[in-house]
Amino acid sequence: MRTVIYTLLLASFFSLAAACNVGETSTPTSTPSPTPTSTSTPPQPQTRLEEALTWVPLEYADKFIEFADYATSRKLTGLEDVRGFEDHWQLDQDQRKRIYEGLRDTPSGVDFIFLHDELGLDLFALDLGIWHSSGIHHSPTFTLMEGGQDIQDISNRLVNLEFKETSYRGTTYYKINEDFLWDFRHPARVLKASFNRTALVDDQVLAAPATFILEDLVDVQKGDSPSLLESPPHLALVRAVGDGMVGGVFLTPEWVTENALGSFAAQWRVANVSGIYTDSTLLDQHLTGPDPWALLSPYSLALFGYRVQGDAEETVIALYYPDPSGAERDARELEKRWNSFHLRVKDNVPVAGSCSSLSATVEREEGSSLIVATCSVIRDTDKEGTVRGPGLWLSPLFESKLEFLALDLEEQKRAAEARQEEETLKGQFRPPS
């Protein structure tokens, strides 16, 4: 029996080397966020990614969403029978490195040993996950996961931890603490508020830090509230990229401007406070020279991740435009940006060392258009610092380097300068001399 686990406010377990946490150009205008209105008839999911989108409330259409297909990843690496906490820790170091290639190996940063030992939740048994957070270094606001769990065991353990039974619309759930609060004296304090509201429905577990979030998840699960698959931009992108998406993110250009501030010179962490020192001058190589980056047309939503179709392993960048001609204008510009993008500017490590040249195709729909661009990942490379294979899409996210998706690189540079000034004024970090 398959199990869907909905967990809330979980941080990232796999930090991936993070120290903590051309022609005429058009002028970008304020980019509209994906409209949170559903299609008239809910579409039926055709892929595993589409299935995951049916779990997410439509209200998150303009949010940063990350997803992971763990079952497919295990299968691709020949480790499909390795499922669960005990099996995972029987692997040797090389197998552990391979089993979730191109993914973060669990979507949870809370103590996964506590989850396993005290709540009976086995994060290494997951098959599919999707979650929302403010960004790659932030704790998720919600996480939704599918995988084999012992529901009765979880129920018993919650009762033993003094959760009280109540219900919403006929759905029984367990409650502890007030919304978003936790008791530092309680054994479950390591989870903070993430399991304050926990529902067990047939083969499902839904968990949230607050009552209204749990109710939203229940409403979507019952089919009484629209899901993210009913967002036209999301539906168009997932149908365009097709099957085989193993992992990736949905993000908006507004998120890129606010969070992915381009090349940085250092990363720091003190206790639970972390940040980056951004050297905005490192963006200048794309603003000057013989072939500077032009502006991008205002797109609404981007999908960036790792896809496997047959023998083809690819990094995918897909953009949705609420304009039937936007994709055509930007296709060649996106190719130029990615192909000249550097993973590490000062070390002279271009992305071209990690994948083939990006190739973009354009699709048009009534009133909209989109780009699907791919490059074949390179598994074996001798250049120091180059990201190998499936994890290529994760590296720019962890290093806050998504300038190739910025509508206006000059604006991106100004945002980076403002962030650095803010960090310096706080006295939290002094730029290296």
Foldseek 3Di string as FASTA:
>chain_A
DKEKEKWFQFAFQFLPPFPAFDDDFDDADPFDAQDLDFDPDQDDDDEPVLVQQLLAFSVCRAFKKKKAFQQVQQVVLVNNVQAWDVSLVVDDPVCNCRSRFFDRQFRGNQDQVCCCPQQVDTRRQWGMKMFTDLANRGGTRMMMTMGDTDLVSNVVSLVVQVFCWDDDPPWIKTADDAAQADDPVGPCCSSGQTARIWTRDPRYIHGHSHDVVSVSSVCSVVVNGGGNCRRVVVVVVDVVVDYFFRIWIKHALVSLLQFLLAAFDAWDDDDNDTDTHRDLVLLVVQVDDDHHQGFAYRFHMWIWGWGDDPPFTKTKIKTKHLAQCRCVVCQVSLQVLQQQDALHRVLPHHLCQFWPRKHWDKDGDVRIIMIIIITGTAADGDDPPHDHGRNPRVSSRSRSHPCSSHRDSVSSSVSSVVVNVVCVVVVVDDDDD
